[in-house]
Amino acid sequence: MTIAQLYIPVAVLFGISIFFALLLPILSKILGPNRPGGRKGEAYESGIVAVGNAQKRLPVKFYRIAILFILFDIDIIFLFPYAIAMKKLGLFGLWSMLIFVVIFVLGDIWVWKRGVLEWE
């Protein structure tokens, strides 16, 4: 099999996902009910009417912590396949993963020194 033939299923899946990603929001907008006003604009859950703008800006520290959480997840995603295939990869795999971990730990130290993990 050629490389092009190997990627045909990936291209088909990508095409289907793009098709549905564009089609479903359009169909929802066209076919879904749209009746604003009345009770939909009133307060709910606690029953307390909101004073002022309900959409407040969050401090940047929330976004920084969220990005760091995603980075830690990505680190684990890269470590797990290595742990599965560690014996097959041999010495080259060991050195590659050590370089990856050292870079990641240096990044963690840099983030810690900058005070990003401090919560006020």
Protein backbone atom coordinates (compact mmCIF):
# COMPACT_ATOMS: atom_id res chain seq x y z
CA MET A 1 0.00 0.00 0.00
CA THR A 2 1.18 3.48 -0.75
CA ILE A 3 1.19 6.27 1.78
CA ALA A 4 -1.70 7.97 -0.03
CA GLN A 5 -3.81 4.83 0.30
CA LEU A 6 -3.05 4.61 4.00
CA TYR A 7 -4.32 8.14 4.60
CA ILE A 8 -7.58 7.76 2.67
CA PRO A 9 -9.55 6.67 5.80
CA VAL A 10 -8.13 9.63 7.73
CA ALA A 11 -9.12 12.02 4.94
CA VAL A 12 -12.63 10.55 4.81
CA LEU A 13 -13.02 10.86 8.59
CA PHE A 14 -11.72 14.44 8.45
CA GLY A 15 -14.19 15.28 5.68
CA ILE A 16 -17.12 13.75 7.58
CA SER A 17 -16.18 15.63 10.75
CA ILE A 18 -15.93 18.96 8.90
CA PHE A 19 -19.26 18.26 7.20
CA PHE A 20 -21.04 17.61 10.50
CA ALA A 21 -19.27 20.48 12.26
CA LEU A 22 -20.70 22.86 9.67
CA LEU A 23 -24.05 21.16 9.07
CA LEU A 24 -25.33 20.68 12.64
CA PRO A 25 -25.12 24.31 13.83
CA ILE A 26 -26.75 25.48 10.60
CA LEU A 27 -29.58 22.94 10.94
CA SER A 28 -30.01 23.88 14.60
CA LYS A 29 -30.36 27.55 13.68
CA ILE A 30 -32.81 26.83 10.86
CA LEU A 31 -34.97 24.14 12.48
CA GLY A 32 -34.72 25.10 16.16
CA PRO A 33 -37.32 27.23 17.95
CA ASN A 34 -36.54 30.91 18.34
CA ARG A 35 -39.00 32.65 20.63
CA PRO A 36 -37.15 35.25 22.71
CA GLY A 37 -38.74 37.39 25.38
CA GLY A 38 -41.20 36.76 28.18
CA ARG A 39 -39.99 34.41 30.88
CA LYS A 40 -36.72 33.66 29.12
CA GLY A 41 -35.34 37.05 30.08
CA GLU A 42 -36.19 36.74 33.79
CA ALA A 43 -33.95 35.61 36.62
CA TYR A 44 -33.78 31.89 37.36
CA GLU A 45 -32.15 29.43 39.76
CA SER A 46 -31.89 31.64 42.84
CA GLY A 47 -34.72 33.96 41.84
CA ILE A 48 -32.62 37.02 42.60
CA VAL A 49 -32.61 39.62 39.88
CA ALA A 50 -29.08 40.39 38.74
CA VAL A 51 -27.84 43.91 39.41
CA GLY A 52 -25.51 45.24 36.77
CA ASN A 53 -23.72 43.17 34.19
CA ALA A 54 -23.81 39.46 34.98
CA GLN A 55 -20.81 38.75 32.73
CA LYS A 56 -17.80 39.80 34.78
CA ARG A 57 -14.27 39.45 33.50
CA LEU A 58 -12.23 36.78 35.23
CA PRO A 59 -8.72 37.57 36.38
CA VAL A 60 -5.90 36.30 34.18
CA LYS A 61 -4.75 33.88 36.89
CA PHE A 62 -7.74 31.63 36.14
CA TYR A 63 -6.69 31.35 32.51
CA ARG A 64 -3.06 30.71 33.43
CA ILE A 65 -4.01 27.87 35.77
CA ALA A 66 -6.29 26.40 33.10
CA ILE A 67 -3.51 26.48 30.51
CA LEU A 68 -1.09 24.86 32.96
CA PHE A 69 -3.64 22.13 33.67
CA ILE A 70 -3.91 21.43 29.94
CA LEU A 71 -0.11 21.33 29.65
CA PHE A 72 0.12 18.79 32.48
CA ASP A 73 -2.51 16.68 30.73
CA ILE A 74 -0.55 16.82 27.48
CA ASP A 75 2.57 15.77 29.37
CA ILE A 76 0.79 12.68 30.67
CA ILE A 77 -0.56 11.94 27.20
CA PHE A 78 3.01 11.88 25.87
CA LEU A 79 4.37 9.84 28.78
CA PHE A 80 1.76 7.08 28.63
CA PRO A 81 2.64 5.67 25.16
CA TYR A 82 6.31 5.75 26.08
CA ALA A 83 5.59 3.73 29.21
CA ILE A 84 3.74 1.16 27.11
CA ALA A 85 6.49 0.77 24.48
CA MET A 86 9.52 1.45 26.69
CA LYS A 87 11.26 -1.88 26.03
CA LYS A 88 10.78 -1.70 22.26
CA LEU A 89 12.18 1.83 22.00
CA GLY A 90 15.43 0.95 23.71
CA LEU A 91 18.14 3.48 24.51
CA PHE A 92 17.03 5.99 21.87
CA GLY A 93 13.54 6.11 23.39
CA LEU A 94 14.99 6.52 26.86
CA TRP A 95 17.13 9.50 25.85
CA SER A 96 14.28 11.06 23.87
CA MET A 97 11.93 10.82 26.84
CA LEU A 98 14.58 12.09 29.25
CA ILE A 99 15.08 15.17 27.06
CA PHE A 100 11.31 15.68 26.96
CA VAL A 101 10.97 15.36 30.73
CA VAL A 102 13.94 17.68 31.39
CA ILE A 103 12.44 20.36 29.13
CA PHE A 104 9.07 19.95 30.83
CA VAL A 105 10.60 20.16 34.33
CA LEU A 106 12.59 23.26 33.35
CA GLY A 107 9.33 24.81 32.16
CA ASP A 108 7.67 23.91 35.47
CA ILE A 109 10.52 25.49 37.41
CA TRP A 110 10.29 28.62 35.28
CA VAL A 111 6.52 28.84 35.90
CA TRP A 112 7.05 28.33 39.63
CA LYS A 113 9.77 31.01 39.82
CA ARG A 114 7.57 33.47 37.94
CA GLY A 115 4.88 33.01 40.61
CA VAL A 116 2.17 31.73 38.28
CA LEU A 117 1.21 28.99 40.74
CA GLU A 118 0.72 31.49 43.59
CA TRP A 119 -2.92 31.97 44.50
CA GLU A 120 -3.84 35.27 46.15
